[in-house]
Amino acid sequence: MQTYKKFLLVAAATLAFTTSAFAVETLKMGVQGANPPFNSKDASGQASGFDVEIGKALCAKMKVECEVVIADWDGIIPALVDNKFDFLISSMSITEERSKLVDFTTPYYSNKLQFVAAKTADIKTDKASIRDSLLGKTLGTQASTQSSVWLQENLGMDITLRLYDSQEAAFTDLAAGHVDAVLADKYVAYEWLKSDAGMNFEFKGDAVLDNDKMGIAVRLNDPLRARLNLAIKEIIEDGTYKKINDKYFPFSIL
């Protein structure tokens, strides 16, 4: 009887060790889910888009399982800090203010900010003309973004500014004629301009902010940052990044 009990204990210990040895780490990645083509919800409510595919490719390189968590933009950094997910990949600009709250990886793409308005609208965005061109106009953009910061810092009291929970909502108001123009991430606007809703609209002038770097956020001092940086380097080197890029854009956004 004693021998049988010992056998059961050894078997249980062996099983526990084996299960532990083959357990796969699971990481949760946070996305907004309302910023196509970078992140949005498909018909079944699942997150999809460039950010999601890049995040999954990084998880594959790190040999971990990936679980997507959708969070509202306004609370997305607090959700990361509160351990709702392990890393945040949602087309977030690397800024000094945000870097006090989270750590960022090396950039995984570069963004530009550009105005979008009706094709018939006479809007000039060069430095000499932009203030007079937009004086008294109503402009829209997503809240808590580089676009909203740029508009407030550069045009201030010269405009009426409407802030939205998502970029999609800003474009909806633009199409409805409730705002005269929208300042948006160029690649997000590029996707909207291809849609039926955006067919009568166009980019106005050149980008007002160039080389806006997007990073993946992790909690402060989290060693996951180094693992993600290595994975970013690997998917760029082996061509995985380019395949995902080319699926969404006919040009490189790196």
Protein backbone atom coordinates (compact mmCIF):
# COMPACT_ATOMS: atom_id res chain seq x y z
CA MET A 1 0.00 0.00 0.00
CA GLN A 2 2.80 2.39 0.92
CA THR A 3 4.55 1.63 -2.37
CA TYR A 4 1.33 2.40 -4.26
CA LYS A 5 0.94 5.75 -2.47
CA LYS A 6 4.52 6.67 -3.29
CA PHE A 7 3.88 5.79 -6.90
CA LEU A 8 0.85 8.10 -6.99
CA LEU A 9 2.80 10.96 -5.44
CA VAL A 10 5.66 10.57 -7.92
CA ALA A 11 3.19 10.37 -10.82
CA ALA A 12 1.37 13.50 -9.66
CA ALA A 13 4.62 15.44 -9.26
CA THR A 14 5.80 14.33 -12.69
CA LEU A 15 2.49 15.38 -14.26
CA ALA A 16 2.62 18.78 -12.56
CA PHE A 17 6.19 19.36 -13.74
CA THR A 18 5.38 18.27 -17.28
CA THR A 19 2.27 20.47 -17.46
CA SER A 20 4.23 23.43 -16.16
CA ALA A 21 7.06 22.84 -18.61
CA PHE A 22 4.70 22.91 -21.58
CA ALA A 23 2.44 25.73 -20.36
CA VAL A 24 2.34 28.65 -22.79
CA GLU A 25 2.51 32.19 -21.44
CA THR A 26 -0.53 34.31 -22.30
CA LEU A 27 -0.25 38.06 -22.81
CA LYS A 28 -3.19 40.43 -23.14
CA MET A 29 -2.88 43.25 -25.64
CA GLY A 30 -5.10 46.33 -25.45
CA VAL A 31 -6.57 48.08 -28.50
CA GLN A 32 -9.20 50.75 -28.98
CA GLY A 33 -11.12 48.96 -31.70
CA ALA A 34 -12.42 52.15 -33.32
CA ASN A 35 -9.61 53.45 -35.50
CA PRO A 36 -9.63 51.66 -38.88
CA PRO A 37 -7.57 50.45 -40.61
CA PHE A 38 -5.33 50.17 -37.54
CA ASN A 39 -7.87 48.72 -35.14
CA SER A 40 -11.61 48.19 -35.41
CA LYS A 41 -14.30 45.60 -34.70
CA ASP A 42 -15.42 43.12 -37.33
CA ALA A 43 -19.01 41.89 -37.79
CA SER A 44 -18.62 39.44 -34.91
CA GLY A 45 -17.28 42.10 -32.53
CA GLN A 46 -13.70 40.83 -32.68
CA ALA A 47 -10.81 43.29 -32.97
CA SER A 48 -9.04 43.43 -36.32
CA GLY A 49 -6.68 45.70 -38.23
CA PHE A 50 -3.01 46.58 -38.65
CA ASP A 51 -2.31 47.05 -34.92
CA VAL A 52 -3.93 43.73 -34.09
CA GLU A 53 -1.99 41.82 -36.74
CA ILE A 54 1.31 43.40 -35.70
CA GLY A 55 0.56 42.56 -32.06
CA LYS A 56 -0.18 38.94 -32.90
CA ALA A 57 3.01 38.70 -34.98
CA LEU A 58 5.00 40.01 -32.01
CA CYS A 59 3.38 37.45 -29.71
CA ALA A 60 4.31 34.70 -32.17
CA LYS A 61 7.94 35.84 -32.12
CA MET A 62 7.92 35.87 -28.32
CA LYS A 63 6.31 32.40 -28.37
CA VAL A 64 3.36 33.46 -26.24
CA GLU A 65 -0.40 33.25 -26.64
CA CYS A 66 -2.13 36.54 -27.43
CA GLU A 67 -5.49 37.70 -26.09
CA VAL A 68 -7.02 40.94 -27.39
CA VAL A 69 -8.77 43.31 -24.98
CA ILE A 70 -10.81 46.21 -26.38
CA ALA A 71 -10.82 49.41 -24.28
CA ASP A 72 -12.17 52.95 -24.68
CA TRP A 73 -9.52 55.44 -25.78
CA ASP A 74 -10.00 57.89 -22.90
CA GLY A 75 -9.26 55.22 -20.30
CA ILE A 76 -6.83 53.07 -22.23
CA ILE A 77 -3.63 54.09 -20.40
CA PRO A 78 -5.22 53.76 -16.92
CA ALA A 79 -6.47 50.32 -17.99
CA LEU A 80 -2.89 49.29 -18.84
CA VAL A 81 -1.56 50.66 -15.55
CA ASP A 82 -4.33 48.77 -13.70
CA ASN A 83 -3.25 45.45 -15.27
CA LYS A 84 -6.31 45.07 -17.52
CA PHE A 85 -3.82 44.05 -20.21
CA ASP A 86 -0.05 43.61 -20.55
CA PHE A 87 0.75 45.89 -23.47
CA LEU A 88 -1.08 48.53 -25.45
CA ILE A 89 -0.84 48.57 -29.26
CA SER A 90 -3.34 51.11 -30.51
CA SER A 91 -1.56 53.64 -32.75
CA MET A 92 -0.48 55.73 -29.78
CA SER A 93 1.94 58.62 -30.28
CA ILE A 94 5.06 58.56 -28.13
CA THR A 95 4.90 61.79 -26.12
CA GLU A 96 6.76 63.20 -23.13
CA GLU A 97 3.55 63.43 -21.10
CA ARG A 98 2.54 59.81 -21.73
CA SER A 99 6.09 58.63 -21.03
CA LYS A 100 5.64 59.72 -17.42
CA LEU A 101 2.89 57.11 -17.07
CA VAL A 102 4.08 54.24 -19.28
CA ASP A 103 7.16 53.02 -21.11
CA PHE A 104 7.19 52.85 -24.91
CA THR A 105 8.92 50.46 -27.27
CA THR A 106 10.86 51.60 -30.29
CA PRO A 107 8.40 53.02 -32.86
CA TYR A 108 6.57 50.50 -35.02
CA TYR A 109 5.37 53.08 -37.54
CA SER A 110 5.52 56.81 -38.29
CA ASN A 111 2.44 58.97 -38.63
CA LYS A 112 1.54 62.37 -40.11
CA LEU A 113 -1.26 64.75 -39.24
CA GLN A 114 -3.19 66.24 -42.15
CA PHE A 115 -6.41 68.19 -42.68
CA VAL A 116 -9.35 66.62 -44.50
CA ALA A 117 -12.21 68.71 -45.91
CA ALA A 118 -14.71 68.81 -48.76
CA LYS A 119 -13.17 68.98 -52.23
CA THR A 120 -14.98 72.27 -52.76
CA ALA A 121 -13.56 73.84 -49.56
CA ASP A 122 -10.87 76.50 -49.99
CA ILE A 123 -8.53 75.62 -47.14
CA LYS A 124 -4.82 76.40 -47.14
CA THR A 125 -2.50 74.78 -44.60
CA ASP A 126 0.88 76.40 -45.30
CA LYS A 127 2.32 78.37 -42.39
CA ALA A 128 1.69 81.75 -44.00
CA SER A 129 -1.99 81.09 -44.77
CA ILE A 130 -3.34 78.51 -42.32
CA ARG A 131 -4.52 80.88 -39.58
CA ASP A 132 -6.45 83.17 -41.92
CA SER A 133 -7.74 80.20 -43.91
CA LEU A 134 -9.23 78.52 -40.82
CA LEU A 135 -10.25 81.64 -38.89
CA GLY A 136 -13.76 81.22 -37.49
CA LYS A 137 -14.19 77.69 -38.82
CA THR A 138 -15.37 74.67 -36.84
CA LEU A 139 -12.80 71.89 -36.79
CA GLY A 140 -13.06 68.36 -35.47
CA THR A 141 -10.67 65.72 -34.22
CA GLN A 142 -10.41 62.84 -31.78
CA ALA A 143 -9.91 63.86 -28.14
CA SER A 144 -6.67 63.15 -26.28
CA THR A 145 -4.59 62.83 -29.45
CA GLN A 146 -1.70 64.66 -31.07
CA SER A 147 -4.26 66.23 -33.42
CA SER A 148 -6.23 67.79 -30.57
CA VAL A 149 -3.04 69.05 -28.93
CA TRP A 150 -1.81 70.55 -32.21
CA LEU A 151 -5.09 72.37 -32.87
CA GLN A 152 -5.28 73.80 -29.36
CA GLU A 153 -1.63 74.92 -29.36
CA ASN A 154 -1.52 76.33 -32.88
CA LEU A 155 -4.99 77.73 -33.62
CA GLY A 156 -6.42 78.21 -30.15
CA MET A 157 -9.13 80.89 -30.03
CA ASP A 158 -9.20 81.32 -33.82
CA ILE A 159 -11.38 78.22 -34.28
CA THR A 160 -14.28 76.35 -32.74
CA LEU A 161 -12.96 72.92 -31.79
CA ARG A 162 -15.13 69.82 -31.48
CA LEU A 163 -13.60 66.76 -29.84
CA TYR A 164 -14.83 63.21 -30.41
CA ASP A 165 -14.43 59.85 -28.68
CA SER A 166 -13.20 58.30 -31.93
CA GLN A 167 -11.86 59.38 -35.30
CA GLU A 168 -14.82 57.67 -36.97
CA ALA A 169 -17.21 59.99 -35.12
CA ALA A 170 -15.26 63.03 -36.31
CA PHE A 171 -15.48 61.87 -39.93
CA THR A 172 -19.21 61.20 -39.55
CA ASP A 173 -19.76 64.82 -38.47
CA LEU A 174 -17.56 66.05 -41.33
CA ALA A 175 -19.65 64.10 -43.85
CA ALA A 176 -22.82 65.53 -42.27
CA GLY A 177 -21.52 69.09 -42.61
CA HIS A 178 -21.29 69.74 -38.86
CA VAL A 179 -17.59 70.65 -39.05
CA ASP A 180 -15.64 72.42 -41.80
CA ALA A 181 -12.57 70.20 -41.59
CA VAL A 182 -11.01 67.42 -39.56
CA LEU A 183 -7.38 67.05 -38.51
CA ALA A 184 -6.52 63.36 -38.43
CA ASP A 185 -3.81 60.75 -38.68
CA LYS A 186 -3.02 60.64 -42.39
CA TYR A 187 -3.27 56.86 -42.74
CA VAL A 188 -6.59 56.69 -40.90
CA ALA A 189 -7.92 59.48 -43.12
CA TYR A 190 -6.55 57.71 -46.19
CA GLU A 191 -8.77 54.72 -45.37
CA TRP A 192 -11.86 56.89 -44.85
CA LEU A 193 -11.32 58.82 -48.09
CA LYS A 194 -11.55 55.51 -50.00
CA SER A 195 -15.02 54.84 -48.56
CA ASP A 196 -18.35 55.98 -50.00
CA ALA A 197 -18.74 58.45 -47.13
CA GLY A 198 -15.41 60.09 -47.97
CA MET A 199 -15.71 60.27 -51.74
CA ASN A 200 -16.42 64.03 -51.79
CA PHE A 201 -13.55 64.89 -49.47
CA GLU A 202 -9.77 65.19 -49.83
CA PHE A 203 -6.53 66.02 -48.05
CA LYS A 204 -5.83 69.74 -47.84
CA GLY A 205 -2.24 70.89 -48.23
CA ASP A 206 0.72 69.13 -46.72
CA ALA A 207 0.92 67.43 -43.32
CA VAL A 208 1.05 69.94 -40.46
CA LEU A 209 2.96 67.47 -38.28
CA ASP A 210 5.37 64.99 -39.81
CA ASN A 211 7.21 62.01 -38.35
CA ASP A 212 4.87 61.38 -35.41
CA LYS A 213 6.22 58.15 -33.90
CA MET A 214 3.86 55.39 -32.74
CA GLY A 215 4.94 53.04 -29.97
CA ILE A 216 3.67 50.08 -27.98
CA ALA A 217 3.08 50.97 -24.33
CA VAL A 218 3.86 48.81 -21.30
CA ARG A 219 3.83 49.56 -17.58
CA LEU A 220 6.79 51.51 -16.22
CA ASN A 221 9.96 49.41 -15.81
CA ASP A 222 8.28 46.32 -17.25
CA PRO A 223 10.88 43.95 -18.81
CA LEU A 224 8.27 43.12 -21.45
CA ARG A 225 9.43 46.26 -23.24
CA ALA A 226 12.79 44.67 -24.12
CA ARG A 227 11.09 41.51 -25.38
CA LEU A 228 8.76 43.55 -27.59
CA ASN A 229 11.66 45.61 -28.95
CA LEU A 230 13.46 42.44 -29.98
CA ALA A 231 10.29 41.05 -31.57
CA ILE A 232 9.74 44.29 -33.53
CA LYS A 233 13.27 44.02 -34.88
CA GLU A 234 12.72 40.38 -35.85
CA ILE A 235 9.44 40.88 -37.73
CA ILE A 236 11.00 43.73 -39.69
CA GLU A 237 14.06 41.67 -40.58
CA ASP A 238 12.20 38.51 -41.64
CA GLY A 239 9.62 40.32 -43.81
CA THR A 240 6.59 39.70 -41.58
CA TYR A 241 6.14 43.42 -40.99
CA LYS A 242 6.20 44.20 -44.73
CA LYS A 243 3.54 41.56 -45.46
CA ILE A 244 1.20 43.13 -42.91
CA ASN A 245 2.03 46.66 -44.10
CA ASP A 246 1.32 45.75 -47.73
CA LYS A 247 -2.03 44.23 -46.80
CA TYR A 248 -3.25 47.63 -45.60
CA PHE A 249 -1.21 50.23 -47.50
CA PRO A 250 0.38 50.52 -50.96
CA PHE A 251 3.35 52.31 -49.33
CA SER A 252 5.57 51.78 -46.30
CA ILE A 253 4.49 53.42 -43.05
CA LEU A 254 7.53 52.27 -41.07
